[in-house]
Amino acid sequence: MSCKHLLFPLMILGLLLTGCGDDATSPAVPDKVLAEGTWMNNTGSREVGFDGLEVASGMFNPDDFRPREPDHYFFEDYLFQRGDIGDSLTVDSSNCAAWDSLTARLTNGVSNAMILRYRMSPDGSLTSTARGEDSFFEGGLDGSLDPDFVGYQLTRLVYHFEHFRLTSPGSNPNGDGLWTDLEMRIRLCVYGRPE
Protein backbone atom coordinates (compact mmCIF):
# COMPACT_ATOMS: atom_id res chain seq x y z
CA MET A 1 0.00 0.00 0.00
CA SER A 2 1.40 3.37 -0.93
CA CYS A 3 1.79 6.30 1.48
CA LYS A 4 -0.95 8.08 -0.43
CA HIS A 5 -3.44 5.34 0.48
CA LEU A 6 -2.48 5.44 4.18
CA LEU A 7 -3.00 9.19 4.53
CA PHE A 8 -6.82 9.17 4.79
CA PRO A 9 -7.09 6.32 7.36
CA LEU A 10 -4.39 8.01 9.47
CA MET A 11 -6.31 11.31 9.39
CA ILE A 12 -9.51 9.56 10.55
CA LEU A 13 -7.63 7.76 13.33
CA GLY A 14 -6.09 11.06 14.42
CA LEU A 15 -9.51 12.70 14.68
CA LEU A 16 -10.88 9.81 16.71
CA LEU A 17 -7.94 9.85 19.12
CA THR A 18 -8.13 13.64 19.66
CA GLY A 19 -11.87 13.73 20.33
CA CYS A 20 -12.88 15.10 16.92
CA GLY A 21 -11.43 18.51 17.49
CA ASP A 22 -12.17 19.00 21.21
CA ASP A 23 -9.39 20.77 23.03
CA ALA A 24 -8.45 21.04 26.69
CA THR A 25 -10.24 24.38 27.04
CA SER A 26 -13.67 22.97 26.14
CA PRO A 27 -15.97 22.68 29.16
CA ALA A 28 -16.56 19.13 30.32
CA VAL A 29 -20.23 19.91 30.93
CA PRO A 30 -22.08 22.02 28.34
CA ASP A 31 -24.09 24.95 29.61
CA LYS A 32 -27.87 24.68 29.71
CA VAL A 33 -30.85 26.89 30.49
CA LEU A 34 -31.05 27.01 34.28
CA ALA A 35 -34.12 29.23 34.49
CA GLU A 36 -36.12 31.83 32.62
CA GLY A 37 -38.27 34.79 33.55
CA THR A 38 -40.48 37.16 31.58
CA TRP A 39 -41.23 40.87 31.75
CA MET A 40 -44.65 41.74 30.31
CA ASN A 41 -45.94 45.29 30.31
CA ASN A 42 -49.07 46.93 28.99
CA THR A 43 -48.89 50.63 29.70
CA GLY A 44 -49.18 54.02 28.08
CA SER A 45 -47.42 57.35 27.92
CA ARG A 46 -48.30 60.93 27.08
CA GLU A 47 -45.81 60.84 24.22
CA VAL A 48 -46.19 60.34 20.48
CA GLY A 49 -44.04 60.11 17.38
CA PHE A 50 -41.53 57.38 18.14
CA ASP A 51 -40.92 53.92 16.77
CA GLY A 52 -38.91 52.13 19.41
CA LEU A 53 -38.25 51.47 23.05
CA GLU A 54 -34.95 52.23 24.78
CA VAL A 55 -34.29 49.29 27.12
CA ALA A 56 -31.80 48.55 29.92
CA SER A 57 -31.57 45.54 32.22
CA GLY A 58 -29.65 44.82 35.37
CA MET A 59 -30.09 44.07 39.02
CA PHE A 60 -29.78 45.72 42.38
CA ASN A 61 -29.70 44.89 46.05
CA PRO A 62 -32.80 46.49 47.60
CA ASP A 63 -30.67 47.62 50.57
CA ASP A 64 -28.20 49.46 48.32
CA PHE A 65 -30.09 50.86 45.32
CA ARG A 66 -28.06 53.29 43.20
CA PRO A 67 -29.68 52.75 39.80
CA ARG A 68 -27.18 54.59 37.61
CA GLU A 69 -24.15 52.74 38.95
CA PRO A 70 -22.72 51.06 35.82
CA ASP A 71 -22.08 47.67 37.41
CA HIS A 72 -25.79 47.25 38.03
CA TYR A 73 -26.54 46.80 34.32
CA PHE A 74 -26.07 43.89 31.98
CA PHE A 75 -26.81 46.27 29.12
CA GLU A 76 -28.10 49.82 28.65
CA ASP A 77 -29.64 51.88 25.87
CA TYR A 78 -30.65 48.97 23.64
CA LEU A 79 -33.15 50.25 21.08
CA PHE A 80 -35.96 47.68 20.70
CA GLN A 81 -38.01 48.38 17.56
CA ARG A 82 -40.95 46.75 15.82
CA GLY A 83 -38.65 44.88 13.45
CA ASP A 84 -36.76 43.31 16.37
CA ILE A 85 -39.57 40.93 17.37
CA GLY A 86 -38.06 37.45 17.46
CA ASP A 87 -34.51 38.76 17.91
CA SER A 88 -32.38 38.02 20.94
CA LEU A 89 -29.52 39.73 22.73
CA THR A 90 -26.82 37.59 24.35
CA VAL A 91 -24.90 39.06 27.28
CA ASP A 92 -21.77 37.35 28.63
CA SER A 93 -18.24 38.08 29.79
CA SER A 94 -17.19 39.15 26.27
CA ASN A 95 -19.62 42.08 26.02
CA CYS A 96 -20.48 43.07 29.61
CA ALA A 97 -17.73 44.86 31.53
CA ALA A 98 -19.49 44.19 34.84
CA TRP A 99 -20.15 40.49 34.17
CA ASP A 100 -18.17 39.20 37.16
CA SER A 101 -19.80 41.51 39.72
CA LEU A 102 -23.29 40.94 38.32
CA THR A 103 -22.99 37.16 38.17
CA ALA A 104 -21.59 37.24 41.71
CA ARG A 105 -24.90 38.83 42.73
CA LEU A 106 -26.87 36.20 40.83
CA THR A 107 -25.04 33.44 42.74
CA ASN A 108 -24.71 34.97 46.23
CA GLY A 109 -27.56 33.09 47.90
CA VAL A 110 -29.68 36.26 48.22
CA SER A 111 -32.75 37.10 46.15
CA ASN A 112 -31.57 40.35 44.57
CA ALA A 113 -33.93 42.23 42.27
CA MET A 114 -33.91 41.76 38.50
CA ILE A 115 -34.80 45.07 36.83
CA LEU A 116 -35.93 46.14 33.39
CA ARG A 117 -35.99 49.87 32.62
CA TYR A 118 -37.39 51.39 29.50
CA ARG A 119 -38.51 54.60 27.91
CA MET A 120 -40.41 55.19 24.69
CA SER A 121 -38.19 58.05 23.51
CA PRO A 122 -34.77 59.46 24.45
CA ASP A 123 -36.45 62.39 26.21
CA GLY A 124 -39.32 60.34 27.63
CA SER A 125 -40.00 59.31 31.17
CA LEU A 126 -38.16 56.27 32.51
CA THR A 127 -40.23 53.29 33.67
CA SER A 128 -38.83 50.45 35.78
CA THR A 129 -40.14 47.05 36.72
CA ALA A 130 -38.32 44.85 39.22
CA ARG A 131 -38.83 41.49 40.93
CA GLY A 132 -36.67 39.37 43.21
CA GLU A 133 -34.77 36.52 41.61
CA ASP A 134 -36.75 33.92 43.56
CA SER A 135 -40.09 35.14 42.17
CA PHE A 136 -38.91 36.35 38.75
CA PHE A 137 -37.38 32.98 37.84
CA GLU A 138 -40.16 31.05 39.59
CA GLY A 139 -37.94 28.39 41.12
CA GLY A 140 -35.96 27.56 38.03
CA LEU A 141 -36.60 24.94 35.40
CA ASP A 142 -35.02 22.15 37.45
CA GLY A 143 -36.76 23.15 40.72
CA SER A 144 -33.52 23.86 42.59
CA LEU A 145 -33.36 27.66 42.31
CA ASP A 146 -33.70 28.83 45.90
CA PRO A 147 -33.26 31.74 46.23
CA ASP A 148 -30.85 32.30 43.32
CA PHE A 149 -28.17 30.53 41.24
CA VAL A 150 -25.85 29.66 44.14
CA GLY A 151 -23.78 26.60 43.19
CA TYR A 152 -23.77 27.37 39.46
CA GLN A 153 -21.28 28.99 37.11
CA LEU A 154 -23.28 31.33 34.86
CA THR A 155 -22.13 31.48 31.23
CA ARG A 156 -24.59 33.81 29.49
CA LEU A 157 -27.92 35.59 29.62
CA VAL A 158 -30.14 35.65 26.54
CA TYR A 159 -32.87 38.26 26.26
CA HIS A 160 -35.59 37.24 23.77
CA PHE A 161 -37.66 40.13 22.38
CA GLU A 162 -40.96 38.35 21.88
CA HIS A 163 -43.64 41.04 21.55
CA PHE A 164 -43.74 44.77 20.95
CA ARG A 165 -46.59 47.04 19.92
CA LEU A 166 -46.98 50.82 20.01
CA THR A 167 -50.42 52.27 19.25
CA SER A 168 -50.91 56.02 18.99
CA PRO A 169 -53.15 57.61 20.19
CA GLY A 170 -54.24 54.22 21.52
CA SER A 171 -56.66 54.43 24.43
CA ASN A 172 -56.24 58.24 24.37
CA PRO A 173 -57.38 58.72 28.01
CA ASN A 174 -57.04 62.54 27.87
CA GLY A 175 -58.99 62.86 24.63
CA ASP A 176 -56.33 65.07 23.00
CA GLY A 177 -54.52 62.50 20.81
CA LEU A 178 -51.26 62.86 22.80
CA TRP A 179 -50.93 59.28 23.97
CA THR A 180 -49.25 56.00 23.01
CA ASP A 181 -50.16 52.55 24.32
CA LEU A 182 -47.29 50.09 24.77
CA GLU A 183 -47.36 46.30 24.87
CA MET A 184 -44.11 44.37 25.27
CA ARG A 185 -42.80 40.99 26.35
CA ILE A 186 -39.12 40.19 26.94
CA ARG A 187 -38.05 36.73 28.13
CA LEU A 188 -34.71 36.24 29.88
CA CYS A 189 -32.96 32.85 29.84
CA VAL A 190 -30.02 32.23 32.20
CA TYR A 191 -27.45 29.66 31.04
CA GLY A 192 -24.86 27.94 33.17
CA ARG A 193 -23.50 24.71 34.60
CA PRO A 194 -22.90 23.30 38.09
CA GLU A 195 -19.69 24.55 39.71
Foldseek 3Di string as FASTA:
>chain_A
DDPVVVVVVVVVVVCVVVVNPDDPPDDPDDKDFFFKFKDKDKFKDLADDFFWKWKWKFWDAVVDDDPVPLLRTQDGRDTGGPVCAQPKDKGFVVHGVNRVVRVCVQAVQDFTKIKMWMARDPPGDIDMDIDTQQVRRVCTPVNPPHRGNHQWDWGIKMKHWHDWDKDWVPPVPVVPRRMIIIITMIMITIMTGGD
